[in-house]
Amino acid sequence: MNLLLDTHTLLWWLSDAPTLSTEARESISDPNRVVYVSAVTAWEISIKRANGRLEAPSDLSVELASAAFQELPISVAHATVAGQLPGHHRDPFDRMLVAQAQIENLTLVTRDKDIAKYDVATLIA
């Protein structure tokens, strides 16, 4: 199982926060898994940093490379599926993550209970 990190999961990982579950920490650090970070996560972090609502690394691409995480671009197929998802979740960033996880057959690492309402594999962050 390869992983897609929700924004809060990525931030917890990068800050070595004790909030991150042991299972998630072990799965993310497993060298046999590919761990992805979506472009939508970078976008969300950038917007919240610019608004002063979030403290996060200023050069996320350097952090992702040092963690050996793979970038996941947003495709037209991702956008189409995200737009067609049921309205369980209003956050467009999270809806995109769900669509990407579905299309790319990834397990979404999150603590967001609303994401579990979708037909998507999850791992509790």
PDB file of N, CA and C in Angstrom:
ATOM      1  N   MET A   1       0.848  -1.179   0.000  1.00  0.00           N
ATOM      2  CA  MET A   1       0.000   0.000   0.000  1.00  0.00           C
ATOM      3  C   MET A   1       0.888   1.235   0.000  1.00  0.00           C
ATOM      4  N   ASN A   2       0.655   2.094  -0.967  1.00  0.00           N
ATOM      5  CA  ASN A   2       1.343   3.376  -1.026  1.00  0.00           C
ATOM      6  C   ASN A   2       0.446   4.433  -0.417  1.00  0.00           C
ATOM      7  N   LEU A   3       1.055   5.512   0.043  1.00  0.00           N
ATOM      8  CA  LEU A   3       0.359   6.475   0.880  1.00  0.00           C
ATOM      9  C   LEU A   3       0.273   7.855   0.251  1.00  0.00           C
ATOM     10  N   LEU A   4      -0.801   8.557   0.596  1.00  0.00           N
ATOM     11  CA  LEU A   4      -0.970   9.971   0.285  1.00  0.00           C
ATOM     12  C   LEU A   4      -1.222  10.679   1.608  1.00  0.00           C
ATOM     13  N   LEU A   5      -0.397  11.673   1.911  1.00  0.00           N
ATOM     14  CA  LEU A   5      -0.505  12.354   3.197  1.00  0.00           C
ATOM     15  C   LEU A   5      -1.458  13.537   3.136  1.00  0.00           C
ATOM     16  N   ASP A   6      -2.373  13.585   4.090  1.00  0.00           N
ATOM     17  CA  ASP A   6      -3.212  14.772   4.266  1.00  0.00           C
ATOM     18  C   ASP A   6      -2.300  15.887   4.782  1.00  0.00           C
ATOM     19  N   THR A   7      -2.741  17.118   4.658  1.00  0.00           N
ATOM     20  CA  THR A   7      -1.908  18.259   5.023  1.00  0.00           C
ATOM     21  C   THR A   7      -1.470  18.201   6.480  1.00  0.00           C
ATOM     22  N   HIS A   8      -2.390  17.942   7.395  1.00  0.00           N
ATOM     23  CA  HIS A   8      -2.006  17.901   8.808  1.00  0.00           C
ATOM     24  C   HIS A   8      -1.032  16.757   9.069  1.00  0.00           C
ATOM     25  N   THR A   9      -1.186  15.650   8.360  1.00  0.00           N
ATOM     26  CA  THR A   9      -0.275  14.521   8.539  1.00  0.00           C
ATOM     27  C   THR A   9       1.136  14.908   8.109  1.00  0.00           C
ATOM     28  N   LEU A  10       1.245  15.554   6.971  1.00  0.00           N
ATOM     29  CA  LEU A  10       2.557  16.001   6.504  1.00  0.00           C
ATOM     30  C   LEU A  10       3.205  16.937   7.517  1.00  0.00           C
ATOM     31  N   LEU A  11       2.445  17.900   8.011  1.00  0.00           N
ATOM     32  CA  LEU A  11       3.001  18.856   8.965  1.00  0.00           C
ATOM     33  C   LEU A  11       3.417  18.174  10.264  1.00  0.00           C
ATOM     34  N   TRP A  12       2.623  17.212  10.727  1.00  0.00           N
ATOM     35  CA  TRP A  12       3.002  16.465  11.927  1.00  0.00           C
ATOM     36  C   TRP A  12       4.282  15.678  11.689  1.00  0.00           C
ATOM     37  N   TRP A  13       4.402  15.077  10.495  1.00  0.00           N
ATOM     38  CA  TRP A  13       5.603  14.301  10.167  1.00  0.00           C
ATOM     39  C   TRP A  13       6.839  15.208  10.151  1.00  0.00           C
ATOM     40  N   LEU A  14       6.723  16.342   9.459  1.00  0.00           N
ATOM     41  CA  LEU A  14       7.867  17.241   9.322  1.00  0.00           C
ATOM     42  C   LEU A  14       8.310  17.839  10.656  1.00  0.00           C
ATOM     43  N   SER A  15       7.366  18.028  11.571  1.00  0.00           N
ATOM     44  CA  SER A  15       7.708  18.601  12.880  1.00  0.00           C
ATOM     45  C   SER A  15       7.961  17.526  13.936  1.00  0.00           C
ATOM     46  N   ASP A  16       7.895  16.266  13.529  1.00  0.00           N
ATOM     47  CA  ASP A  16       8.079  15.134  14.443  1.00  0.00           C
ATOM     48  C   ASP A  16       7.120  15.237  15.635  1.00  0.00           C
ATOM     49  N   ALA A  17       5.884  15.610  15.336  1.00  0.00           N
ATOM     50  CA  ALA A  17       4.872  15.806  16.380  1.00  0.00           C
ATOM     51  C   ALA A  17       4.457  14.469  16.989  1.00  0.00           C
ATOM     52  N   PRO A  18       4.340  14.413  18.300  1.00  0.00           N
ATOM     53  CA  PRO A  18       3.886  13.180  18.952  1.00  0.00           C
ATOM     54  C   PRO A  18       2.423  12.868  18.650  1.00  0.00           C
ATOM     55  N   THR A  19       1.717  13.810  18.054  1.00  0.00           N
ATOM     56  CA  THR A  19       0.312  13.633  17.690  1.00  0.00           C
ATOM     57  C   THR A  19       0.140  12.526  16.658  1.00  0.00           C
ATOM     58  N   LEU A  20       1.134  12.335  15.801  1.00  0.00           N
ATOM     59  CA  LEU A  20       1.059  11.336  14.738  1.00  0.00           C
ATOM     60  C   LEU A  20       1.035   9.936  15.345  1.00  0.00           C
ATOM     61  N   SER A  21       0.076   9.117  14.900  1.00  0.00           N
ATOM     62  CA  SER A  21      -0.064   7.766  15.452  1.00  0.00           C
ATOM     63  C   SER A  21       1.164   6.914  15.144  1.00  0.00           C
ATOM     64  N   THR A  22       1.405   5.939  15.995  1.00  0.00           N
ATOM     65  CA  THR A  22       2.528   5.023  15.798  1.00  0.00           C
ATOM     66  C   THR A  22       2.384   4.271  14.487  1.00  0.00           C
ATOM     67  N   GLU A  23       1.176   3.819  14.176  1.00  0.00           N
ATOM     68  CA  GLU A  23       0.949   3.083  12.934  1.00  0.00           C
ATOM     69  C   GLU A  23       1.252   3.952  11.710  1.00  0.00           C
ATOM     70  N   ALA A  24       0.822   5.203  11.744  1.00  0.00           N
ATOM     71  CA  ALA A  24       1.095   6.106  10.630  1.00  0.00           C
ATOM     72  C   ALA A  24       2.593   6.375  10.526  1.00  0.00           C
ATOM     73  N   ARG A  25       3.233   6.630  11.645  1.00  0.00           N
ATOM     74  CA  ARG A  25       4.681   6.909  11.648  1.00  0.00           C
ATOM     75  C   ARG A  25       5.463   5.733  11.058  1.00  0.00           C
ATOM     76  N   GLU A  26       5.092   4.508  11.460  1.00  0.00           N
ATOM     77  CA  GLU A  26       5.773   3.317  10.943  1.00  0.00           C
ATOM     78  C   GLU A  26       5.497   3.124   9.451  1.00  0.00           C
ATOM     79  N   SER A  27       4.270   3.365   9.037  1.00  0.00           N
ATOM     80  CA  SER A  27       3.917   3.200   7.621  1.00  0.00           C
ATOM     81  C   SER A  27       4.635   4.218   6.743  1.00  0.00           C
ATOM     82  N   ILE A  28       4.696   5.450   7.199  1.00  0.00           N
ATOM     83  CA  ILE A  28       5.358   6.505   6.430  1.00  0.00           C
ATOM     84  C   ILE A  28       6.857   6.237   6.321  1.00  0.00           C
ATOM     85  N   SER A  29       7.442   5.720   7.369  1.00  0.00           N
ATOM     86  CA  SER A  29       8.893   5.482   7.360  1.00  0.00           C
ATOM     87  C   SER A  29       9.287   4.148   6.734  1.00  0.00           C
ATOM     88  N   ASP A  30       8.332   3.323   6.364  1.00  0.00           N
ATOM     89  CA  ASP A  30       8.609   2.023   5.748  1.00  0.00           C
ATOM     90  C   ASP A  30       9.252   2.234   4.374  1.00  0.00           C
ATOM     91  N   PRO A  31      10.486   1.758   4.179  1.00  0.00           N
ATOM     92  CA  PRO A  31      11.169   1.984   2.893  1.00  0.00           C
ATOM     93  C   PRO A  31      10.532   1.244   1.715  1.00  0.00           C
ATOM     94  N   ASN A  32       9.630   0.314   1.992  1.00  0.00           N
ATOM     95  CA  ASN A  32       8.961  -0.423   0.925  1.00  0.00           C
ATOM     96  C   ASN A  32       7.705   0.280   0.411  1.00  0.00           C
ATOM     97  N   ARG A  33       7.376   1.419   0.978  1.00  0.00           N
ATOM     98  CA  ARG A  33       6.196   2.182   0.555  1.00  0.00           C
ATOM     99  C   ARG A  33       6.633   3.449  -0.169  1.00  0.00           C
ATOM    100  N   VAL A  34       5.799   3.857  -1.095  1.00  0.00           N
ATOM    101  CA  VAL A  34       5.987   5.159  -1.729  1.00  0.00           C
ATOM    102  C   VAL A  34       5.015   6.116  -1.041  1.00  0.00           C
ATOM    103  N   VAL A  35       5.540   7.241  -0.593  1.00  0.00           N
ATOM    104  CA  VAL A  35       4.722   8.237   0.096  1.00  0.00           C
ATOM    105  C   VAL A  35       4.604   9.464  -0.796  1.00  0.00           C
ATOM    106  N   TYR A  36       3.357   9.858  -1.066  1.00  0.00           N
ATOM    107  CA  TYR A  36       3.075  10.983  -1.945  1.00  0.00           C
ATOM    108  C   TYR A  36       2.553  12.175  -1.155  1.00  0.00           C
ATOM    109  N   VAL A  37       2.887  13.348  -1.664  1.00  0.00           N
ATOM    110  CA  VAL A  37       2.322  14.603  -1.176  1.00  0.00           C
ATOM    111  C   VAL A  37       1.750  15.314  -2.396  1.00  0.00           C
ATOM    112  N   SER A  38       0.488  15.660  -2.306  1.00  0.00           N
ATOM    113  CA  SER A  38      -0.214  16.283  -3.420  1.00  0.00           C
ATOM    114  C   SER A  38       0.165  17.748  -3.586  1.00  0.00           C
ATOM    115  N   ALA A  39       0.100  18.198  -4.822  1.00  0.00           N
ATOM    116  CA  ALA A  39       0.263  19.621  -5.107  1.00  0.00           C
ATOM    117  C   ALA A  39      -0.791  20.443  -4.365  1.00  0.00           C
ATOM    118  N   VAL A  40      -1.965  19.857  -4.133  1.00  0.00           N
ATOM    119  CA  VAL A  40      -3.015  20.584  -3.413  1.00  0.00           C
ATOM    120  C   VAL A  40      -2.601  20.847  -1.964  1.00  0.00           C
ATOM    121  N   THR A  41      -1.810  19.958  -1.386  1.00  0.00           N
ATOM    122  CA  THR A  41      -1.312  20.156  -0.021  1.00  0.00           C
ATOM    123  C   THR A  41      -0.339  21.335   0.014  1.00  0.00           C
ATOM    124  N   ALA A  42       0.553  21.395  -0.959  1.00  0.00           N
ATOM    125  CA  ALA A  42       1.488  22.527  -1.030  1.00  0.00           C
ATOM    126  C   ALA A  42       0.718  23.838  -1.219  1.00  0.00           C
ATOM    127  N   TRP A  43      -0.319  23.789  -2.029  1.00  0.00           N
ATOM    128  CA  TRP A  43      -1.143  24.974  -2.275  1.00  0.00           C
ATOM    129  C   TRP A  43      -1.832  25.415  -0.979  1.00  0.00           C
ATOM    130  N   GLU A  44      -2.432  24.471  -0.267  1.00  0.00           N
ATOM    131  CA  GLU A  44      -3.110  24.789   0.993  1.00  0.00           C
ATOM    132  C   GLU A  44      -2.133  25.379   2.008  1.00  0.00           C
ATOM    133  N   ILE A  45      -0.976  24.775   2.141  1.00  0.00           N
ATOM    134  CA  ILE A  45       0.027  25.276   3.092  1.00  0.00           C
ATOM    135  C   ILE A  45       0.460  26.689   2.697  1.00  0.00           C
ATOM    136  N   SER A  46       0.699  26.904   1.419  1.00  0.00           N
ATOM    137  CA  SER A  46       1.145  28.205   0.937  1.00  0.00           C
ATOM    138  C   SER A  46       0.110  29.294   1.214  1.00  0.00           C
ATOM    139  N   ILE A  47      -1.152  28.989   0.967  1.00  0.00           N
ATOM    140  CA  ILE A  47      -2.228  29.958   1.224  1.00  0.00           C
ATOM    141  C   ILE A  47      -2.309  30.282   2.713  1.00  0.00           C
ATOM    142  N   LYS A  48      -2.292  29.264   3.549  1.00  0.00           N
ATOM    143  CA  LYS A  48      -2.425  29.487   4.996  1.00  0.00           C
ATOM    144  C   LYS A  48      -1.201  30.187   5.577  1.00  0.00           C
ATOM    145  N   ARG A  49      -0.013  29.911   5.036  1.00  0.00           N
ATOM    146  CA  ARG A  49       1.197  30.617   5.481  1.00  0.00           C
ATOM    147  C   ARG A  49       1.086  32.100   5.122  1.00  0.00           C
ATOM    148  N   ALA A  50       0.650  32.377   3.889  1.00  0.00           N
ATOM    149  CA  ALA A  50       0.536  33.760   3.419  1.00  0.00           C
ATOM    150  C   ALA A  50      -0.481  34.554   4.232  1.00  0.00           C
ATOM    151  N   ASN A  51      -1.524  33.872   4.710  1.00  0.00           N
ATOM    152  CA  ASN A  51      -2.555  34.530   5.522  1.00  0.00           C
ATOM    153  C   ASN A  51      -2.190  34.603   6.996  1.00  0.00           C
ATOM    154  N   GLY A  52      -1.033  34.061   7.364  1.00  0.00           N
ATOM    155  CA  GLY A  52      -0.598  34.075   8.756  1.00  0.00           C
ATOM    156  C   GLY A  52      -1.343  33.083   9.625  1.00  0.00           C
ATOM    157  N   ARG A  53      -2.013  32.099   9.010  1.00  0.00           N
ATOM    158  CA  ARG A  53      -2.806  31.123   9.758  1.00  0.00           C
ATOM    159  C   ARG A  53      -2.051  29.832  10.031  1.00  0.00           C
ATOM    160  N   LEU A  54      -0.797  29.756   9.557  1.00  0.00           N
ATOM    161  CA  LEU A  54      -0.067  28.501   9.687  1.00  0.00           C
ATOM    162  C   LEU A  54       1.424  28.761   9.678  1.00  0.00           C
ATOM    163  N   GLU A  55       2.118  28.096  10.581  1.00  0.00           N
ATOM    164  CA  GLU A  55       3.575  28.087  10.530  1.00  0.00           C
ATOM    165  C   GLU A  55       3.983  26.773   9.890  1.00  0.00           C
ATOM    166  N   ALA A  56       4.742  26.878   8.821  1.00  0.00           N
ATOM    167  CA  ALA A  56       5.164  25.698   8.073  1.00  0.00           C
ATOM    168  C   ALA A  56       6.476  26.029   7.372  1.00  0.00           C
ATOM    169  N   PRO A  57       7.181  24.996   6.924  1.00  0.00           N
ATOM    170  CA  PRO A  57       8.442  25.249   6.210  1.00  0.00           C
ATOM    171  C   PRO A  57       8.215  26.159   5.006  1.00  0.00           C
ATOM    172  N   SER A  58       9.145  27.082   4.796  1.00  0.00           N
ATOM    173  CA  SER A  58       9.000  28.023   3.687  1.00  0.00           C
ATOM    174  C   SER A  58       9.343  27.384   2.345  1.00  0.00           C
ATOM    175  N   ASP A  59      10.206  26.380   2.348  1.00  0.00           N
ATOM    176  CA  ASP A  59      10.552  25.697   1.105  1.00  0.00           C
ATOM    177  C   ASP A  59      10.133  24.236   1.203  1.00  0.00           C
ATOM    178  N   LEU A  60       8.868  24.014   0.942  1.00  0.00           N
ATOM    179  CA  LEU A  60       8.298  22.680   1.100  1.00  0.00           C
ATOM    180  C   LEU A  60       8.962  21.665   0.176  1.00  0.00           C
ATOM    181  N   SER A  61       9.365  22.074  -1.014  1.00  0.00           N
ATOM    182  CA  SER A  61       9.971  21.125  -1.947  1.00  0.00           C
ATOM    183  C   SER A  61      11.271  20.545  -1.396  1.00  0.00           C
ATOM    184  N   VAL A  62      12.034  21.340  -0.673  1.00  0.00           N
ATOM    185  CA  VAL A  62      13.269  20.846  -0.041  1.00  0.00           C
ATOM    186  C   VAL A  62      12.927  19.832   1.044  1.00  0.00           C
ATOM    187  N   GLU A  63      11.911  20.142   1.833  1.00  0.00           N
ATOM    188  CA  GLU A  63      11.484  19.227   2.902  1.00  0.00           C
ATOM    189  C   GLU A  63      10.998  17.898   2.327  1.00  0.00           C
ATOM    190  N   LEU A  64      10.229  17.967   1.239  1.00  0.00           N
ATOM    191  CA  LEU A  64       9.714  16.743   0.617  1.00  0.00           C
ATOM    192  C   LEU A  64      10.854  15.898   0.067  1.00  0.00           C
ATOM    193  N   ALA A  65      11.815  16.540  -0.551  1.00  0.00           N
ATOM    194  CA  ALA A  65      12.954  15.805  -1.109  1.00  0.00           C
ATOM    195  C   ALA A  65      13.773  15.148  -0.002  1.00  0.00           C
ATOM    196  N   SER A  66      13.987  15.848   1.095  1.00  0.00           N
ATOM    197  CA  SER A  66      14.790  15.264   2.175  1.00  0.00           C
ATOM    198  C   SER A  66      14.067  14.105   2.853  1.00  0.00           C
ATOM    199  N   ALA A  67      12.740  14.119   2.806  1.00  0.00           N
ATOM    200  CA  ALA A  67      11.958  13.008   3.369  1.00  0.00           C
ATOM    201  C   ALA A  67      11.738  11.891   2.348  1.00  0.00           C
ATOM    202  N   ALA A  68      12.209  12.104   1.122  1.00  0.00           N
ATOM    203  CA  ALA A  68      12.032  11.143   0.020  1.00  0.00           C
ATOM    204  C   ALA A  68      10.557  10.930  -0.331  1.00  0.00           C
ATOM    205  N   PHE A  69       9.734  11.982  -0.152  1.00  0.00           N
ATOM    206  CA  PHE A  69       8.334  11.916  -0.549  1.00  0.00           C
ATOM    207  C   PHE A  69       8.225  12.295  -2.025  1.00  0.00           C
ATOM    208  N   GLN A  70       7.264  11.703  -2.691  1.00  0.00           N
ATOM    209  CA  GLN A  70       7.034  11.958  -4.108  1.00  0.00           C
ATOM    210  C   GLN A  70       5.939  13.011  -4.269  1.00  0.00           C
ATOM    211  N   GLU A  71       6.132  13.889  -5.234  1.00  0.00           N
ATOM    212  CA  GLU A  71       5.112  14.893  -5.533  1.00  0.00           C
ATOM    213  C   GLU A  71       4.025  14.250  -6.388  1.00  0.00           C
ATOM    214  N   LEU A  72       2.767  14.580  -6.080  1.00  0.00           N
ATOM    215  CA  LEU A  72       1.633  14.104  -6.867  1.00  0.00           C
ATOM    216  C   LEU A  72       0.947  15.307  -7.502  1.00  0.00           C
ATOM    217  N   PRO A  73       1.129  15.500  -8.817  1.00  0.00           N
ATOM    218  CA  PRO A  73       0.471  16.625  -9.485  1.00  0.00           C
ATOM    219  C   PRO A  73      -1.039  16.423  -9.561  1.00  0.00           C
ATOM    220  N   ILE A  74      -1.735  17.494  -9.840  1.00  0.00           N
ATOM    221  CA  ILE A  74      -3.186  17.442 -10.015  1.00  0.00           C
ATOM    222  C   ILE A  74      -3.474  17.309 -11.510  1.00  0.00           C
ATOM    223  N   SER A  75      -4.278  16.321 -11.868  1.00  0.00           N
ATOM    224  CA  SER A  75      -4.645  16.110 -13.270  1.00  0.00           C
ATOM    225  C   SER A  75      -6.104  16.528 -13.495  1.00  0.00           C
ATOM    226  N   VAL A  76      -6.473  16.591 -14.757  1.00  0.00           N
ATOM    227  CA  VAL A  76      -7.864  16.880 -15.108  1.00  0.00           C
ATOM    228  C   VAL A  76      -8.769  15.779 -14.560  1.00  0.00           C
ATOM    229  N   ALA A  77      -8.324  14.532 -14.623  1.00  0.00           N
ATOM    230  CA  ALA A  77      -9.121  13.420 -14.081  1.00  0.00           C
ATOM    231  C   ALA A  77      -9.337  13.597 -12.580  1.00  0.00           C
ATOM    232  N   HIS A  78      -8.294  14.009 -11.858  1.00  0.00           N
ATOM    233  CA  HIS A  78      -8.431  14.255 -10.413  1.00  0.00           C
ATOM    234  C   HIS A  78      -9.478  15.338 -10.163  1.00  0.00           C
ATOM    235  N   ALA A  79      -9.368  16.428 -10.923  1.00  0.00           N
ATOM    236  CA  ALA A  79     -10.286  17.560 -10.737  1.00  0.00           C
ATOM    237  C   ALA A  79     -11.727  17.169 -11.049  1.00  0.00           C
ATOM    238  N   THR A  80     -11.905  16.377 -12.089  1.00  0.00           N
ATOM    239  CA  THR A  80     -13.253  15.948 -12.469  1.00  0.00           C
ATOM    240  C   THR A  80     -13.880  15.090 -11.385  1.00  0.00           C
ATOM    241  N   VAL A  81     -13.130  14.118 -10.883  1.00  0.00           N
ATOM    242  CA  VAL A  81     -13.656  13.247  -9.826  1.00  0.00           C
ATOM    243  C   VAL A  81     -13.912  14.046  -8.549  1.00  0.00           C
ATOM    244  N   ALA A  82     -12.999  14.944  -8.186  1.00  0.00           N
ATOM    245  CA  ALA A  82     -13.191  15.758  -6.976  1.00  0.00           C
ATOM    246  C   ALA A  82     -14.487  16.557  -7.060  1.00  0.00           C
ATOM    247  N   GLY A  83     -14.780  17.079  -8.232  1.00  0.00           N
ATOM    248  CA  GLY A  83     -15.994  17.856  -8.415  1.00  0.00           C
ATOM    249  C   GLY A  83     -17.262  17.028  -8.371  1.00  0.00           C
ATOM    250  N   GLN A  84     -17.140  15.728  -8.620  1.00  0.00           N
ATOM    251  CA  GLN A  84     -18.310  14.851  -8.655  1.00  0.00           C
ATOM    252  C   GLN A  84     -18.527  14.087  -7.341  1.00  0.00           C
ATOM    253  N   LEU A  85     -17.645  14.255  -6.377  1.00  0.00           N
ATOM    254  CA  LEU A  85     -17.805  13.544  -5.107  1.00  0.00           C
ATOM    255  C   LEU A  85     -19.061  14.012  -4.374  1.00  0.00           C
ATOM    256  N   PRO A  86     -19.680  13.108  -3.616  1.00  0.00           N
ATOM    257  CA  PRO A  86     -20.806  13.534  -2.775  1.00  0.00           C
ATOM    258  C   PRO A  86     -20.345  14.610  -1.790  1.00  0.00           C
ATOM    259  N   GLY A  87     -21.271  15.386  -1.302  1.00  0.00           N
ATOM    260  CA  GLY A  87     -20.947  16.530  -0.453  1.00  0.00           C
ATOM    261  C   GLY A  87     -20.639  16.222   0.999  1.00  0.00           C
ATOM    262  N   HIS A  88     -20.001  15.099   1.277  1.00  0.00           N
ATOM    263  CA  HIS A  88     -19.653  14.758   2.661  1.00  0.00           C
ATOM    264  C   HIS A  88     -18.672  15.761   3.269  1.00  0.00           C
ATOM    265  N   HIS A  89     -17.871  16.348   2.420  1.00  0.00           N
ATOM    266  CA  HIS A  89     -16.819  17.253   2.883  1.00  0.00           C
ATOM    267  C   HIS A  89     -16.859  18.512   2.031  1.00  0.00           C
ATOM    268  N   ARG A  90     -16.822  19.664   2.677  1.00  0.00           N
ATOM    269  CA  ARG A  90     -16.905  20.925   1.933  1.00  0.00           C
ATOM    270  C   ARG A  90     -15.535  21.471   1.548  1.00  0.00           C
ATOM    271  N   ASP A  91     -14.484  21.004   2.209  1.00  0.00           N
ATOM    272  CA  ASP A  91     -13.145  21.523   1.956  1.00  0.00           C
ATOM    273  C   ASP A  91     -12.637  21.032   0.601  1.00  0.00           C
ATOM    274  N   PRO A  92     -12.420  21.947  -0.354  1.00  0.00           N
ATOM    275  CA  PRO A  92     -11.994  21.515  -1.690  1.00  0.00           C
ATOM    276  C   PRO A  92     -10.618  20.846  -1.693  1.00  0.00           C
ATOM    277  N   PHE A  93      -9.749  21.216  -0.773  1.00  0.00           N
ATOM    278  CA  PHE A  93      -8.432  20.573  -0.689  1.00  0.00           C
ATOM    279  C   PHE A  93      -8.596  19.095  -0.319  1.00  0.00           C
ATOM    280  N   ASP A  94      -9.428  18.835   0.661  1.00  0.00           N
ATOM    281  CA  ASP A  94      -9.644  17.445   1.091  1.00  0.00           C
ATOM    282  C   ASP A  94     -10.383  16.640   0.033  1.00  0.00           C
ATOM    283  N   ARG A  95     -11.312  17.257  -0.658  1.00  0.00           N
ATOM    284  CA  ARG A  95     -12.019  16.558  -1.733  1.00  0.00           C
ATOM    285  C   ARG A  95     -11.030  16.155  -2.839  1.00  0.00           C
ATOM    286  N   MET A  96     -10.065  17.020  -3.121  1.00  0.00           N
ATOM    287  CA  MET A  96      -9.048  16.685  -4.121  1.00  0.00           C
ATOM    288  C   MET A  96      -8.196  15.512  -3.639  1.00  0.00           C
ATOM    289  N   LEU A  97      -7.828  15.508  -2.376  1.00  0.00           N
ATOM    290  CA  LEU A  97      -7.034  14.394  -1.845  1.00  0.00           C
ATOM    291  C   LEU A  97      -7.794  13.074  -1.960  1.00  0.00           C
ATOM    292  N   VAL A  98      -9.088  13.107  -1.676  1.00  0.00           N
ATOM    293  CA  VAL A  98      -9.910  11.897  -1.808  1.00  0.00           C
ATOM    294  C   VAL A  98      -9.897  11.420  -3.255  1.00  0.00           C
ATOM    295  N   ALA A  99     -10.124  12.335  -4.184  1.00  0.00           N
ATOM    296  CA  ALA A  99     -10.143  11.970  -5.608  1.00  0.00           C
ATOM    297  C   ALA A  99      -8.796  11.403  -6.039  1.00  0.00           C
ATOM    298  N   GLN A 100      -7.721  12.015  -5.619  1.00  0.00           N
ATOM    299  CA  GLN A 100      -6.401  11.521  -5.995  1.00  0.00           C
ATOM    300  C   GLN A 100      -6.139  10.137  -5.415  1.00  0.00           C
ATOM    301  N   ALA A 101      -6.502   9.940  -4.165  1.00  0.00           N
ATOM    302  CA  ALA A 101      -6.304   8.629  -3.543  1.00  0.00           C
ATOM    303  C   ALA A 101      -7.121   7.566  -4.264  1.00  0.00           C
ATOM    304  N   GLN A 102      -8.347   7.908  -4.640  1.00  0.00           N
ATOM    305  CA  GLN A 102      -9.184   6.947  -5.366  1.00  0.00           C
ATOM    306  C   GLN A 102      -8.568   6.585  -6.712  1.00  0.00           C
ATOM    307  N   ILE A 103      -8.241   7.581  -7.498  1.00  0.00           N
ATOM    308  CA  ILE A 103      -7.738   7.353  -8.848  1.00  0.00           C
ATOM    309  C   ILE A 103      -6.377   6.660  -8.845  1.00  0.00           C
ATOM    310  N   GLU A 104      -5.504   7.068  -7.938  1.00  0.00           N
ATOM    311  CA  GLU A 104      -4.140   6.540  -7.915  1.00  0.00           C
ATOM    312  C   GLU A 104      -3.995   5.302  -7.034  1.00  0.00           C
ATOM    313  N   ASN A 105      -5.119   4.851  -6.450  1.00  0.00           N
ATOM    314  CA  ASN A 105      -5.114   3.670  -5.577  1.00  0.00           C
ATOM    315  C   ASN A 105      -4.132   3.831  -4.409  1.00  0.00           C
ATOM    316  N   LEU A 106      -4.282   4.947  -3.706  1.00  0.00           N
ATOM    317  CA  LEU A 106      -3.428   5.261  -2.569  1.00  0.00           C
ATOM    318  C   LEU A 106      -4.243   5.232  -1.283  1.00  0.00           C
ATOM    319  N   THR A 107      -3.572   4.976  -0.186  1.00  0.00           N
ATOM    320  CA  THR A 107      -4.190   5.056   1.131  1.00  0.00           C
ATOM    321  C   THR A 107      -3.945   6.453   1.674  1.00  0.00           C
ATOM    322  N   LEU A 108      -5.015   7.137   2.029  1.00  0.00           N
ATOM    323  CA  LEU A 108      -4.938   8.502   2.525  1.00  0.00           C
ATOM    324  C   LEU A 108      -4.711   8.488   4.033  1.00  0.00           C
ATOM    325  N   VAL A 109      -3.611   9.086   4.466  1.00  0.00           N
ATOM    326  CA  VAL A 109      -3.252   9.117   5.886  1.00  0.00           C
ATOM    327  C   VAL A 109      -3.805  10.410   6.464  1.00  0.00           C
ATOM    328  N   THR A 110      -4.832  10.278   7.314  1.00  0.00           N
ATOM    329  CA  THR A 110      -5.571  11.444   7.804  1.00  0.00           C
ATOM    330  C   THR A 110      -6.222  11.159   9.147  1.00  0.00           C
ATOM    331  N   ARG A 111      -6.578  12.226   9.855  1.00  0.00           N
ATOM    332  CA  ARG A 111      -7.399  12.135  11.057  1.00  0.00           C
ATOM    333  C   ARG A 111      -8.791  12.687  10.798  1.00  0.00           C
ATOM    334  N   ASP A 112      -9.041  13.132   9.593  1.00  0.00           N
ATOM    335  CA  ASP A 112     -10.308  13.773   9.243  1.00  0.00           C
ATOM    336  C   ASP A 112     -11.410  12.720   9.119  1.00  0.00           C
ATOM    337  N   LYS A 113     -12.364  12.746  10.039  1.00  0.00           N
ATOM    338  CA  LYS A 113     -13.442  11.751  10.062  1.00  0.00           C
ATOM    339  C   LYS A 113     -14.370  11.851   8.849  1.00  0.00           C
ATOM    340  N   ASP A 114     -14.518  13.040   8.283  1.00  0.00           N
ATOM    341  CA  ASP A 114     -15.387  13.200   7.114  1.00  0.00           C
ATOM    342  C   ASP A 114     -14.822  12.497   5.883  1.00  0.00           C
ATOM    343  N   ILE A 115     -13.521  12.375   5.798  1.00  0.00           N
ATOM    344  CA  ILE A 115     -12.906  11.689   4.659  1.00  0.00           C
ATOM    345  C   ILE A 115     -13.298  10.216   4.654  1.00  0.00           C
ATOM    346  N   ALA A 116     -13.449   9.630   5.823  1.00  0.00           N
ATOM    347  CA  ALA A 116     -13.821   8.206   5.920  1.00  0.00           C
ATOM    348  C   ALA A 116     -15.221   7.937   5.359  1.00  0.00           C
ATOM    349  N   LYS A 117     -16.015   8.978   5.122  1.00  0.00           N
ATOM    350  CA  LYS A 117     -17.350   8.799   4.549  1.00  0.00           C
ATOM    351  C   LYS A 117     -17.299   8.483   3.062  1.00  0.00           C
ATOM    352  N   TYR A 118     -16.138   8.676   2.461  1.00  0.00           N
ATOM    353  CA  TYR A 118     -15.958   8.402   1.037  1.00  0.00           C
ATOM    354  C   TYR A 118     -15.420   6.990   0.842  1.00  0.00           C
ATOM    355  N   ASP A 119     -15.556   6.512  -0.372  1.00  0.00           N
ATOM    356  CA  ASP A 119     -15.028   5.213  -0.739  1.00  0.00           C
ATOM    357  C   ASP A 119     -13.540   5.362  -1.049  1.00  0.00           C
ATOM    358  N   VAL A 120     -12.747   5.431   0.019  1.00  0.00           N
ATOM    359  CA  VAL A 120     -11.303   5.631  -0.111  1.00  0.00           C
ATOM    360  C   VAL A 120     -10.615   4.930   1.064  1.00  0.00           C
ATOM    361  N   ALA A 121      -9.495   4.299   0.771  1.00  0.00           N
ATOM    362  CA  ALA A 121      -8.713   3.650   1.826  1.00  0.00           C
ATOM    363  C   ALA A 121      -8.062   4.720   2.697  1.00  0.00           C
ATOM    364  N   THR A 122      -8.145   4.539   4.017  1.00  0.00           N
ATOM    365  CA  THR A 122      -7.539   5.501   4.938  1.00  0.00           C
ATOM    366  C   THR A 122      -6.709   4.791   5.994  1.00  0.00           C
ATOM    367  N   LEU A 123      -5.790   5.536   6.532  1.00  0.00           N
ATOM    368  CA  LEU A 123      -4.977   5.108   7.676  1.00  0.00           C
ATOM    369  C   LEU A 123      -5.033   6.268   8.659  1.00  0.00           C
ATOM    370  N   ILE A 124      -5.335   5.982   9.906  1.00  0.00           N
ATOM    371  CA  ILE A 124      -5.476   7.045  10.893  1.00  0.00           C
ATOM    372  C   ILE A 124      -4.113   7.664  11.208  1.00  0.00           C
ATOM    373  N   ALA A 125      -4.068   8.960  10.994  1.00  0.00           N
ATOM    374  CA  ALA A 125      -2.825   9.709  11.274  1.00  0.00           C
ATOM    375  C   ALA A 125      -2.678   9.851  12.769  1.00  0.00           C
TER     376      ALA A 125
END
